[in-house]
Protein backbone atom coordinates (compact mmCIF):
# COMPACT_ATOMS: atom_id res chain seq x y z
CA MET A 1 0.00 0.00 0.00
CA LYS A 2 1.15 3.49 -0.67
CA SER A 3 0.34 4.90 2.76
CA LYS A 4 -1.52 4.14 5.97
CA ILE A 5 -4.23 6.62 5.00
CA THR A 6 -4.74 4.93 1.63
CA LYS A 7 -4.93 1.50 3.28
CA TRP A 8 -7.37 2.78 5.92
CA LEU A 9 -9.57 4.43 3.28
CA LEU A 10 -9.61 1.28 1.16
CA LYS A 11 -10.59 -0.86 4.15
CA TRP A 12 -13.32 1.62 5.10
CA LEU A 13 -14.73 1.64 1.57
CA CYS A 14 -14.63 -2.15 1.38
CA ARG A 15 -16.54 -2.49 4.65
CA LYS A 16 -19.21 -0.12 3.32
CA LEU A 17 -19.48 -1.96 0.00
CA VAL A 18 -19.70 -5.49 1.38
CA SER A 19 -22.15 -4.74 4.18
CA GLN A 20 -24.95 -7.28 4.07
CA GLY A 21 -28.12 -5.90 2.61
CA PRO A 22 -30.35 -6.01 -0.44
CA ASN A 23 -27.53 -4.84 -2.76
CA HIS A 24 -24.47 -6.55 -1.30
CA GLU A 25 -24.00 -8.87 -4.28
CA SER A 26 -24.11 -6.03 -6.80
CA ASN A 27 -21.84 -3.89 -4.58
CA ILE A 28 -19.20 -6.64 -4.41
CA THR A 29 -19.49 -7.23 -8.16
CA GLU A 30 -19.02 -3.52 -8.79
CA TYR A 31 -15.99 -3.48 -6.47
CA TYR A 32 -14.36 -6.29 -8.48
CA ARG A 33 -15.23 -4.46 -11.72
CA VAL A 34 -13.49 -1.31 -10.48
CA ILE A 35 -10.39 -3.32 -9.54
CA TRP A 36 -10.39 -5.02 -12.95
CA LYS A 37 -10.72 -1.69 -14.80
CA ALA A 38 -7.89 -0.16 -12.76
CA ALA A 39 -5.65 -3.15 -13.49
CA ARG A 40 -6.41 -2.97 -17.22
CA LYS A 41 -5.60 0.73 -17.22
CA GLU A 42 -2.37 0.25 -15.25
CA PHE A 43 -1.08 -2.84 -17.08
CA ARG A 44 -1.91 -1.87 -20.67
CA GLU A 45 0.95 -3.87 -22.16
CA ASP A 46 -0.57 -7.16 -20.93
CA ASN A 47 -3.11 -8.96 -23.08
CA ASP A 48 -6.38 -10.09 -21.48
CA PRO A 49 -5.39 -13.73 -20.80
CA THR A 50 -2.14 -12.63 -19.12
CA LEU A 51 -3.92 -10.03 -17.03
CA GLN A 52 -6.69 -12.49 -16.11
CA LYS A 53 -4.10 -15.01 -14.95
CA PHE A 54 -2.30 -12.36 -12.91
CA MET A 55 -5.53 -11.13 -11.31
CA LYS A 56 -6.58 -14.69 -10.51
CA GLU A 57 -3.20 -15.38 -8.88
CA CYS A 58 -3.52 -12.19 -6.80
CA HIS A 59 -7.04 -13.18 -5.74
CA GLU A 60 -5.89 -16.68 -4.77
CA ARG A 61 -2.95 -15.27 -2.77
CA SER A 62 -5.27 -12.87 -0.97
CA MET A 63 -7.67 -15.69 -0.10
CA HIS A 64 -4.83 -17.94 1.09
CA SER A 65 -3.26 -15.25 3.28
CA THR A 66 -6.66 -14.26 4.71
CA LEU A 67 -7.57 -17.84 5.60
CA LYS A 68 -4.10 -18.53 6.95
CA ARG A 69 -4.30 -15.53 9.32
CA SER A 70 -7.72 -16.51 10.60
CA MET A 71 -7.32 -19.32 13.10
CA GLU A 72 -10.99 -19.52 14.10
CA TYR A 73 -14.16 -19.57 12.02
CA THR A 74 -17.56 -19.07 13.58
CA VAL A 75 -20.77 -20.27 11.98
CA GLU A 76 -24.00 -18.64 13.11
CA TYR A 77 -27.33 -20.42 12.91
CA PRO A 78 -30.79 -18.87 13.18
CA GLU A 79 -31.22 -20.61 16.57
CA GLU A 80 -28.23 -18.54 17.75
CA LYS A 81 -26.00 -21.57 18.16
CA HIS A 82 -22.32 -20.90 17.58
CA ILE A 83 -19.91 -23.52 16.38
CA SER A 84 -16.22 -22.71 16.32
CA PHE A 85 -13.64 -24.53 14.23
CA ARG A 86 -9.95 -24.40 15.02
């Protein structure tokens, strides 16, 4: 990240976009679209398959590092039962 302020702002925006509600799916889709457009604009020399592969690798690394950091997952049920996995 370029700066702490940029990282904070990005996290804040992400939290607002992915908040559960009637439009959360379209908000998340739009967020991915904005990332894709920014990558295409930044990496103009790459063709689409190369850029798609790069973006997929970045997404997979982000998922792996996020899951690796999280040591506990909690599942909530309507009956308010909580099951934790370690």
